[in-house]
Amino acid sequence: MAAYYPEKPSLYQENDVKQFFSTFSRLYPCSFCAEDFQKLLKVSPPATKSQEELSQWLCKIHNSVNDRLGKSLFDCSRVNERWRDGWKDGSCDY
């Protein structure tokens, strides 16, 4: 979703994406995960001013969960390469 978010979103688009994450945090099927995500949103609300901001915010949120779970972190400088543009070497991770 963040990969195709506008570079210059309207106020409506900014509000919509904030509402999306707020709603998602309440409807997430794992109650513990939902509660953790709600806490994360309070200390780090979505950065919605551009595609770059939202993508970096979402990657950092994802990495904070991965870190807590002992999983590897994703290189946030490569988020658009992974989710929007495709890997530069032409590979596919499907």
PDB file of N, CA and C in Angstrom:
ATOM      1  N   MET A   1       0.824  -1.184   0.000  1.00  0.00           N
ATOM      2  CA  MET A   1       0.000   0.000   0.000  1.00  0.00           C
ATOM      3  C   MET A   1       0.874   1.256   0.000  1.00  0.00           C
ATOM      4  N   ALA A   2       1.879   1.297   0.863  1.00  0.00           N
ATOM      5  CA  ALA A   2       2.730   2.479   0.962  1.00  0.00           C
ATOM      6  C   ALA A   2       3.536   2.707  -0.318  1.00  0.00           C
ATOM      7  N   ALA A   3       3.874   1.631  -1.016  1.00  0.00           N
ATOM      8  CA  ALA A   3       4.677   1.751  -2.234  1.00  0.00           C
ATOM      9  C   ALA A   3       3.970   2.576  -3.305  1.00  0.00           C
ATOM     10  N   TYR A   4       2.640   2.551  -3.307  1.00  0.00           N
ATOM     11  CA  TYR A   4       1.869   3.268  -4.327  1.00  0.00           C
ATOM     12  C   TYR A   4       1.098   4.457  -3.771  1.00  0.00           C
ATOM     13  N   TYR A   5       1.453   4.854  -2.576  1.00  0.00           N
ATOM     14  CA  TYR A   5       0.868   6.056  -1.970  1.00  0.00           C
ATOM     15  C   TYR A   5       1.383   7.265  -2.746  1.00  0.00           C
ATOM     16  N   PRO A   6       0.588   8.306  -2.914  1.00  0.00           N
ATOM     17  CA  PRO A   6       1.021   9.464  -3.721  1.00  0.00           C
ATOM     18  C   PRO A   6       2.223  10.218  -3.125  1.00  0.00           C
ATOM     19  N   GLU A   7       3.002  10.799  -4.020  1.00  0.00           N
ATOM     20  CA  GLU A   7       4.121  11.653  -3.586  1.00  0.00           C
ATOM     21  C   GLU A   7       3.601  12.911  -2.890  1.00  0.00           C
ATOM     22  N   LYS A   8       2.465  13.404  -3.376  1.00  0.00           N
ATOM     23  CA  LYS A   8       1.838  14.583  -2.785  1.00  0.00           C
ATOM     24  C   LYS A   8       0.370  14.269  -2.509  1.00  0.00           C
ATOM     25  N   PRO A   9       0.111  13.580  -1.414  1.00  0.00           N
ATOM     26  CA  PRO A   9      -1.279  13.197  -1.128  1.00  0.00           C
ATOM     27  C   PRO A   9      -2.143  14.389  -0.739  1.00  0.00           C
ATOM     28  N   SER A  10      -3.414  14.261  -1.020  1.00  0.00           N
ATOM     29  CA  SER A  10      -4.371  15.272  -0.557  1.00  0.00           C
ATOM     30  C   SER A  10      -4.597  15.070   0.938  1.00  0.00           C
ATOM     31  N   LEU A  11      -5.221  16.047   1.566  1.00  0.00           N
ATOM     32  CA  LEU A  11      -5.558  15.903   2.984  1.00  0.00           C
ATOM     33  C   LEU A  11      -6.494  14.718   3.199  1.00  0.00           C
ATOM     34  N   TYR A  12      -7.373  14.492   2.239  1.00  0.00           N
ATOM     35  CA  TYR A  12      -8.277  13.333   2.333  1.00  0.00           C
ATOM     36  C   TYR A  12      -7.488  12.025   2.321  1.00  0.00           C
ATOM     37  N   GLN A  13      -6.506  11.931   1.427  1.00  0.00           N
ATOM     38  CA  GLN A  13      -5.694  10.715   1.359  1.00  0.00           C
ATOM     39  C   GLN A  13      -4.891  10.520   2.639  1.00  0.00           C
ATOM     40  N   GLU A  14      -4.355  11.610   3.172  1.00  0.00           N
ATOM     41  CA  GLU A  14      -3.617  11.514   4.436  1.00  0.00           C
ATOM     42  C   GLU A  14      -4.526  11.023   5.555  1.00  0.00           C
ATOM     43  N   ASN A  15      -5.698  11.606   5.648  1.00  0.00           N
ATOM     44  CA  ASN A  15      -6.645  11.187   6.683  1.00  0.00           C
ATOM     45  C   ASN A  15      -7.099   9.748   6.480  1.00  0.00           C
ATOM     46  N   ASP A  16      -7.318   9.359   5.233  1.00  0.00           N
ATOM     47  CA  ASP A  16      -7.748   7.990   4.945  1.00  0.00           C
ATOM     48  C   ASP A  16      -6.703   6.969   5.396  1.00  0.00           C
ATOM     49  N   VAL A  17      -5.433   7.231   5.107  1.00  0.00           N
ATOM     50  CA  VAL A  17      -4.398   6.257   5.476  1.00  0.00           C
ATOM     51  C   VAL A  17      -4.219   6.208   6.995  1.00  0.00           C
ATOM     52  N   LYS A  18      -4.351   7.345   7.657  1.00  0.00           N
ATOM     53  CA  LYS A  18      -4.296   7.345   9.125  1.00  0.00           C
ATOM     54  C   LYS A  18      -5.458   6.542   9.699  1.00  0.00           C
ATOM     55  N   GLN A  19      -6.638   6.744   9.122  1.00  0.00           N
ATOM     56  CA  GLN A  19      -7.814   6.001   9.574  1.00  0.00           C
ATOM     57  C   GLN A  19      -7.656   4.512   9.294  1.00  0.00           C
ATOM     58  N   PHE A  20      -7.066   4.180   8.155  1.00  0.00           N
ATOM     59  CA  PHE A  20      -6.838   2.779   7.822  1.00  0.00           C
ATOM     60  C   PHE A  20      -6.004   2.091   8.905  1.00  0.00           C
ATOM     61  N   PHE A  21      -4.879   2.701   9.267  1.00  0.00           N
ATOM     62  CA  PHE A  21      -4.018   2.064  10.261  1.00  0.00           C
ATOM     63  C   PHE A  21      -4.667   2.034  11.637  1.00  0.00           C
ATOM     64  N   SER A  22      -5.421   3.046  11.962  1.00  0.00           N
ATOM     65  CA  SER A  22      -6.157   3.041  13.230  1.00  0.00           C
ATOM     66  C   SER A  22      -7.168   1.896  13.260  1.00  0.00           C
ATOM     67  N   THR A  23      -7.915   1.760  12.186  1.00  0.00           N
ATOM     68  CA  THR A  23      -8.907   0.684  12.101  1.00  0.00           C
ATOM     69  C   THR A  23      -8.227  -0.682  12.100  1.00  0.00           C
ATOM     70  N   PHE A  24      -7.182  -0.810  11.314  1.00  0.00           N
ATOM     71  CA  PHE A  24      -6.432  -2.068  11.233  1.00  0.00           C
ATOM     72  C   PHE A  24      -5.937  -2.491  12.611  1.00  0.00           C
ATOM     73  N   SER A  25      -5.474  -1.526  13.397  1.00  0.00           N
ATOM     74  CA  SER A  25      -4.946  -1.844  14.727  1.00  0.00           C
ATOM     75  C   SER A  25      -6.033  -2.380  15.659  1.00  0.00           C
ATOM     76  N   ARG A  26      -7.265  -2.038  15.410  1.00  0.00           N
ATOM     77  CA  ARG A  26      -8.362  -2.516  16.256  1.00  0.00           C
ATOM     78  C   ARG A  26      -8.958  -3.832  15.742  1.00  0.00           C
ATOM     79  N   LEU A  27      -8.809  -4.114  14.452  1.00  0.00           N
ATOM     80  CA  LEU A  27      -9.405  -5.312  13.868  1.00  0.00           C
ATOM     81  C   LEU A  27      -8.420  -6.463  13.690  1.00  0.00           C
ATOM     82  N   TYR A  28      -7.160  -6.238  13.989  1.00  0.00           N
ATOM     83  CA  TYR A  28      -6.152  -7.286  13.810  1.00  0.00           C
ATOM     84  C   TYR A  28      -6.551  -8.517  14.613  1.00  0.00           C
ATOM     85  N   PRO A  29      -6.515  -9.713  14.025  1.00  0.00           N
ATOM     86  CA  PRO A  29      -7.055 -10.899  14.696  1.00  0.00           C
ATOM     87  C   PRO A  29      -6.336 -11.305  15.984  1.00  0.00           C
ATOM     88  N   CYS A  30      -5.062 -11.028  16.098  1.00  0.00           N
ATOM     89  CA  CYS A  30      -4.329 -11.356  17.326  1.00  0.00           C
ATOM     90  C   CYS A  30      -4.474 -10.175  18.297  1.00  0.00           C
ATOM     91  N   SER A  31      -5.148 -10.394  19.408  1.00  0.00           N
ATOM     92  CA  SER A  31      -5.414  -9.290  20.334  1.00  0.00           C
ATOM     93  C   SER A  31      -4.133  -8.698  20.916  1.00  0.00           C
ATOM     94  N   PHE A  32      -3.113  -9.519  21.161  1.00  0.00           N
ATOM     95  CA  PHE A  32      -1.848  -9.014  21.696  1.00  0.00           C
ATOM     96  C   PHE A  32      -1.140  -8.141  20.669  1.00  0.00           C
ATOM     97  N   CYS A  33      -1.131  -8.603  19.421  1.00  0.00           N
ATOM     98  CA  CYS A  33      -0.512  -7.836  18.335  1.00  0.00           C
ATOM     99  C   CYS A  33      -1.267  -6.529  18.098  1.00  0.00           C
ATOM    100  N   ALA A  34      -2.589  -6.607  18.147  1.00  0.00           N
ATOM    101  CA  ALA A  34      -3.417  -5.413  17.947  1.00  0.00           C
ATOM    102  C   ALA A  34      -3.106  -4.372  19.015  1.00  0.00           C
ATOM    103  N   GLU A  35      -3.019  -4.824  20.253  1.00  0.00           N
ATOM    104  CA  GLU A  35      -2.720  -3.901  21.354  1.00  0.00           C
ATOM    105  C   GLU A  35      -1.333  -3.289  21.198  1.00  0.00           C
ATOM    106  N   ASP A  36      -0.356  -4.103  20.813  1.00  0.00           N
ATOM    107  CA  ASP A  36       0.999  -3.584  20.587  1.00  0.00           C
ATOM    108  C   ASP A  36       1.016  -2.562  19.455  1.00  0.00           C
ATOM    109  N   PHE A  37       0.270  -2.848  18.384  1.00  0.00           N
ATOM    110  CA  PHE A  37       0.232  -1.927  17.250  1.00  0.00           C
ATOM    111  C   PHE A  37      -0.430  -0.610  17.651  1.00  0.00           C
ATOM    112  N   GLN A  38      -1.476  -0.676  18.445  1.00  0.00           N
ATOM    113  CA  GLN A  38      -2.128   0.545  18.931  1.00  0.00           C
ATOM    114  C   GLN A  38      -1.160   1.390  19.746  1.00  0.00           C
ATOM    115  N   LYS A  39      -0.340   0.741  20.561  1.00  0.00           N
ATOM    116  CA  LYS A  39       0.668   1.469  21.345  1.00  0.00           C
ATOM    117  C   LYS A  39       1.702   2.102  20.430  1.00  0.00           C
ATOM    118  N   LEU A  40       2.132   1.355  19.415  1.00  0.00           N
ATOM    119  CA  LEU A  40       3.092   1.901  18.453  1.00  0.00           C
ATOM    120  C   LEU A  40       2.536   3.127  17.744  1.00  0.00           C
ATOM    121  N   LEU A  41       1.262   3.068  17.376  1.00  0.00           N
ATOM    122  CA  LEU A  41       0.640   4.196  16.680  1.00  0.00           C
ATOM    123  C   LEU A  41       0.601   5.446  17.551  1.00  0.00           C
ATOM    124  N   LYS A  42       0.474   5.264  18.861  1.00  0.00           N
ATOM    125  CA  LYS A  42       0.441   6.420  19.759  1.00  0.00           C
ATOM    126  C   LYS A  42       1.802   7.102  19.843  1.00  0.00           C
ATOM    127  N   VAL A  43       2.877   6.316  19.874  1.00  0.00           N
ATOM    128  CA  VAL A  43       4.212   6.912  19.989  1.00  0.00           C
ATOM    129  C   VAL A  43       4.813   7.266  18.633  1.00  0.00           C
ATOM    130  N   SER A  44       4.332   6.612  17.579  1.00  0.00           N
ATOM    131  CA  SER A  44       4.841   6.869  16.236  1.00  0.00           C
ATOM    132  C   SER A  44       3.687   6.827  15.233  1.00  0.00           C
ATOM    133  N   PRO A  45       2.908   7.912  15.162  1.00  0.00           N
ATOM    134  CA  PRO A  45       1.781   7.926  14.229  1.00  0.00           C
ATOM    135  C   PRO A  45       2.262   7.882  12.775  1.00  0.00           C
ATOM    136  N   PRO A  46       1.412   7.431  11.874  1.00  0.00           N
ATOM    137  CA  PRO A  46       1.812   7.330  10.468  1.00  0.00           C
ATOM    138  C   PRO A  46       2.310   8.662   9.907  1.00  0.00           C
ATOM    139  N   ALA A  47       3.413   8.584   9.178  1.00  0.00           N
ATOM    140  CA  ALA A  47       3.971   9.742   8.476  1.00  0.00           C
ATOM    141  C   ALA A  47       3.338   9.745   7.087  1.00  0.00           C
ATOM    142  N   THR A  48       2.492  10.703   6.823  1.00  0.00           N
ATOM    143  CA  THR A  48       1.627  10.646   5.633  1.00  0.00           C
ATOM    144  C   THR A  48       1.856  11.757   4.614  1.00  0.00           C
ATOM    145  N   LYS A  49       2.917  12.499   4.716  1.00  0.00           N
ATOM    146  CA  LYS A  49       3.122  13.648   3.828  1.00  0.00           C
ATOM    147  C   LYS A  49       3.592  13.275   2.428  1.00  0.00           C
ATOM    148  N   SER A  50       4.102  12.038   2.259  1.00  0.00           N
ATOM    149  CA  SER A  50       4.586  11.609   0.945  1.00  0.00           C
ATOM    150  C   SER A  50       4.719  10.092   0.918  1.00  0.00           C
ATOM    151  N   GLN A  51       4.907   9.561  -0.282  1.00  0.00           N
ATOM    152  CA  GLN A  51       5.123   8.127  -0.440  1.00  0.00           C
ATOM    153  C   GLN A  51       6.379   7.705   0.315  1.00  0.00           C
ATOM    154  N   GLU A  52       7.429   8.486   0.200  1.00  0.00           N
ATOM    155  CA  GLU A  52       8.685   8.165   0.884  1.00  0.00           C
ATOM    156  C   GLU A  52       8.488   8.118   2.397  1.00  0.00           C
ATOM    157  N   GLU A  53       7.821   9.118   2.947  1.00  0.00           N
ATOM    158  CA  GLU A  53       7.585   9.157   4.401  1.00  0.00           C
ATOM    159  C   GLU A  53       6.775   7.958   4.876  1.00  0.00           C
ATOM    160  N   LEU A  54       5.692   7.655   4.182  1.00  0.00           N
ATOM    161  CA  LEU A  54       4.840   6.549   4.611  1.00  0.00           C
ATOM    162  C   LEU A  54       5.570   5.218   4.470  1.00  0.00           C
ATOM    163  N   SER A  55       6.296   5.030   3.385  1.00  0.00           N
ATOM    164  CA  SER A  55       7.036   3.784   3.185  1.00  0.00           C
ATOM    165  C   SER A  55       8.094   3.579   4.261  1.00  0.00           C
ATOM    166  N   GLN A  56       8.806   4.651   4.593  1.00  0.00           N
ATOM    167  CA  GLN A  56       9.835   4.543   5.638  1.00  0.00           C
ATOM    168  C   GLN A  56       9.201   4.302   7.002  1.00  0.00           C
ATOM    169  N   TRP A  57       8.112   4.980   7.281  1.00  0.00           N
ATOM    170  CA  TRP A  57       7.418   4.776   8.553  1.00  0.00           C
ATOM    171  C   TRP A  57       6.970   3.322   8.687  1.00  0.00           C
ATOM    172  N   LEU A  58       6.327   2.800   7.643  1.00  0.00           N
ATOM    173  CA  LEU A  58       5.805   1.445   7.699  1.00  0.00           C
ATOM    174  C   LEU A  58       6.941   0.428   7.815  1.00  0.00           C
ATOM    175  N   CYS A  59       8.026   0.647   7.120  1.00  0.00           N
ATOM    176  CA  CYS A  59       9.178  -0.247   7.209  1.00  0.00           C
ATOM    177  C   CYS A  59       9.747  -0.246   8.636  1.00  0.00           C
ATOM    178  N   LYS A  60       9.849   0.928   9.227  1.00  0.00           N
ATOM    179  CA  LYS A  60      10.374   1.011  10.603  1.00  0.00           C
ATOM    180  C   LYS A  60       9.434   0.335  11.596  1.00  0.00           C
ATOM    181  N   ILE A  61       8.138   0.496  11.405  1.00  0.00           N
ATOM    182  CA  ILE A  61       7.167  -0.191  12.263  1.00  0.00           C
ATOM    183  C   ILE A  61       7.327  -1.702  12.098  1.00  0.00           C
ATOM    184  N   HIS A  62       7.400  -2.151  10.862  1.00  0.00           N
ATOM    185  CA  HIS A  62       7.582  -3.577  10.580  1.00  0.00           C
ATOM    186  C   HIS A  62       8.869  -4.094  11.232  1.00  0.00           C
ATOM    187  N   ASN A  63       9.942  -3.337  11.105  1.00  0.00           N
ATOM    188  CA  ASN A  63      11.220  -3.745  11.701  1.00  0.00           C
ATOM    189  C   ASN A  63      11.159  -3.771  13.223  1.00  0.00           C
ATOM    190  N   SER A  64      10.403  -2.882  13.826  1.00  0.00           N
ATOM    191  CA  SER A  64      10.304  -2.911  15.293  1.00  0.00           C
ATOM    192  C   SER A  64       9.631  -4.205  15.753  1.00  0.00           C
ATOM    193  N   VAL A  65       8.655  -4.669  14.990  1.00  0.00           N
ATOM    194  CA  VAL A  65       8.001  -5.949  15.309  1.00  0.00           C
ATOM    195  C   VAL A  65       8.983  -7.099  15.075  1.00  0.00           C
ATOM    196  N   ASN A  66       9.656  -7.079  13.931  1.00  0.00           N
ATOM    197  CA  ASN A  66      10.636  -8.131  13.649  1.00  0.00           C
ATOM    198  C   ASN A  66      11.710  -8.200  14.730  1.00  0.00           C
ATOM    199  N   ASP A  67      12.179  -7.054  15.171  1.00  0.00           N
ATOM    200  CA  ASP A  67      13.206  -7.005  16.205  1.00  0.00           C
ATOM    201  C   ASP A  67      12.696  -7.655  17.497  1.00  0.00           C
ATOM    202  N   ARG A  68      11.483  -7.315  17.866  1.00  0.00           N
ATOM    203  CA  ARG A  68      10.882  -7.873  19.087  1.00  0.00           C
ATOM    204  C   ARG A  68      10.709  -9.382  18.975  1.00  0.00           C
ATOM    205  N   LEU A  69      10.464  -9.866  17.762  1.00  0.00           N
ATOM    206  CA  LEU A  69      10.264 -11.295  17.534  1.00  0.00           C
ATOM    207  C   LEU A  69      11.555 -12.051  17.229  1.00  0.00           C
ATOM    208  N   GLY A  70      12.670 -11.318  17.204  1.00  0.00           N
ATOM    209  CA  GLY A  70      13.951 -11.958  16.920  1.00  0.00           C
ATOM    210  C   GLY A  70      14.155 -12.301  15.452  1.00  0.00           C
ATOM    211  N   LYS A  71      13.415 -11.633  14.582  1.00  0.00           N
ATOM    212  CA  LYS A  71      13.548 -11.866  13.142  1.00  0.00           C
ATOM    213  C   LYS A  71      14.505 -10.844  12.546  1.00  0.00           C
ATOM    214  N   SER A  72      14.977 -11.134  11.342  1.00  0.00           N
ATOM    215  CA  SER A  72      15.891 -10.208  10.681  1.00  0.00           C
ATOM    216  C   SER A  72      15.157  -8.932  10.276  1.00  0.00           C
ATOM    217  N   LEU A  73      15.914  -7.852  10.222  1.00  0.00           N
ATOM    218  CA  LEU A  73      15.359  -6.552   9.856  1.00  0.00           C
ATOM    219  C   LEU A  73      15.512  -6.327   8.361  1.00  0.00           C
ATOM    220  N   PHE A  74      14.573  -5.591   7.801  1.00  0.00           N
ATOM    221  CA  PHE A  74      14.610  -5.254   6.382  1.00  0.00           C
ATOM    222  C   PHE A  74      15.349  -3.936   6.217  1.00  0.00           C
ATOM    223  N   ASP A  75      16.166  -3.831   5.196  1.00  0.00           N
ATOM    224  CA  ASP A  75      16.884  -2.602   4.876  1.00  0.00           C
ATOM    225  C   ASP A  75      15.885  -1.601   4.287  1.00  0.00           C
ATOM    226  N   CYS A  76      15.499  -0.613   5.096  1.00  0.00           N
ATOM    227  CA  CYS A  76      14.461   0.338   4.681  1.00  0.00           C
ATOM    228  C   CYS A  76      14.875   1.203   3.497  1.00  0.00           C
ATOM    229  N   SER A  77      16.157   1.280   3.215  1.00  0.00           N
ATOM    230  CA  SER A  77      16.586   2.042   2.030  1.00  0.00           C
ATOM    231  C   SER A  77      16.205   1.310   0.743  1.00  0.00           C
ATOM    232  N   ARG A  78      15.782   0.046   0.850  1.00  0.00           N
ATOM    233  CA  ARG A  78      15.434  -0.749  -0.326  1.00  0.00           C
ATOM    234  C   ARG A  78      13.941  -1.026  -0.429  1.00  0.00           C
ATOM    235  N   VAL A  79      13.139  -0.304   0.350  1.00  0.00           N
ATOM    236  CA  VAL A  79      11.710  -0.603   0.398  1.00  0.00           C
ATOM    237  C   VAL A  79      11.025  -0.411  -0.962  1.00  0.00           C
ATOM    238  N   ASN A  80      11.340   0.636  -1.682  1.00  0.00           N
ATOM    239  CA  ASN A  80      10.714   0.831  -2.998  1.00  0.00           C
ATOM    240  C   ASN A  80      11.216  -0.181  -4.014  1.00  0.00           C
ATOM    241  N   GLU A  81      12.477  -0.542  -3.896  1.00  0.00           N
ATOM    242  CA  GLU A  81      13.017  -1.568  -4.784  1.00  0.00           C
ATOM    243  C   GLU A  81      12.264  -2.885  -4.568  1.00  0.00           C
ATOM    244  N   ARG A  82      11.970  -3.203  -3.340  1.00  0.00           N
ATOM    245  CA  ARG A  82      11.280  -4.458  -3.019  1.00  0.00           C
ATOM    246  C   ARG A  82       9.796  -4.428  -3.372  1.00  0.00           C
ATOM    247  N   TRP A  83       9.110  -3.338  -3.030  1.00  0.00           N
ATOM    248  CA  TRP A  83       7.651  -3.328  -3.124  1.00  0.00           C
ATOM    249  C   TRP A  83       7.088  -2.544  -4.297  1.00  0.00           C
ATOM    250  N   ARG A  84       7.887  -1.694  -4.947  1.00  0.00           N
ATOM    251  CA  ARG A  84       7.333  -0.882  -6.039  1.00  0.00           C
ATOM    252  C   ARG A  84       8.055  -1.124  -7.356  1.00  0.00           C
ATOM    253  N   ASP A  85       9.368  -0.996  -7.351  1.00  0.00           N
ATOM    254  CA  ASP A  85      10.124  -0.986  -8.606  1.00  0.00           C
ATOM    255  C   ASP A  85      10.637  -2.355  -9.041  1.00  0.00           C
ATOM    256  N   GLY A  86      10.841  -3.247  -8.103  1.00  0.00           N
ATOM    257  CA  GLY A  86      11.437  -4.554  -8.392  1.00  0.00           C
ATOM    258  C   GLY A  86      12.932  -4.530  -8.149  1.00  0.00           C
ATOM    259  N   TRP A  87      13.470  -5.695  -7.808  1.00  0.00           N
ATOM    260  CA  TRP A  87      14.905  -5.792  -7.512  1.00  0.00           C
ATOM    261  C   TRP A  87      15.727  -5.393  -8.732  1.00  0.00           C
ATOM    262  N   LYS A  88      16.794  -4.646  -8.497  1.00  0.00           N
ATOM    263  CA  LYS A  88      17.630  -4.147  -9.585  1.00  0.00           C
ATOM    264  C   LYS A  88      18.293  -5.268 -10.380  1.00  0.00           C
ATOM    265  N   ASP A  89      18.519  -6.413  -9.730  1.00  0.00           N
ATOM    266  CA  ASP A  89      19.150  -7.524 -10.447  1.00  0.00           C
ATOM    267  C   ASP A  89      18.141  -8.364 -11.233  1.00  0.00           C
ATOM    268  N   GLY A  90      16.875  -7.947 -11.225  1.00  0.00           N
ATOM    269  CA  GLY A  90      15.839  -8.646 -11.982  1.00  0.00           C
ATOM    270  C   GLY A  90      15.304  -9.893 -11.308  1.00  0.00           C
ATOM    271  N   SER A  91      15.808 -10.195 -10.117  1.00  0.00           N
ATOM    272  CA  SER A  91      15.351 -11.403  -9.428  1.00  0.00           C
ATOM    273  C   SER A  91      13.937 -11.215  -8.882  1.00  0.00           C
ATOM    274  N   CYS A  92      13.348 -12.326  -8.534  1.00  0.00           N
ATOM    275  CA  CYS A  92      11.992 -12.326  -8.009  1.00  0.00           C
ATOM    276  C   CYS A  92      11.979 -13.225  -6.777  1.00  0.00           C
ATOM    277  N   ASP A  93      11.331 -12.791  -5.712  1.00  0.00           N
ATOM    278  CA  ASP A  93      11.320 -13.611  -4.506  1.00  0.00           C
ATOM    279  C   ASP A  93       9.987 -14.299  -4.283  1.00  0.00           C
ATOM    280  N   TYR A  94       9.322 -14.650  -5.338  1.00  0.00           N
ATOM    281  CA  TYR A  94       8.073 -15.411  -5.216  1.00  0.00           C
ATOM    282  C   TYR A  94       8.383 -16.876  -5.096  1.00  0.00           C
TER     283      TYR A  94
END
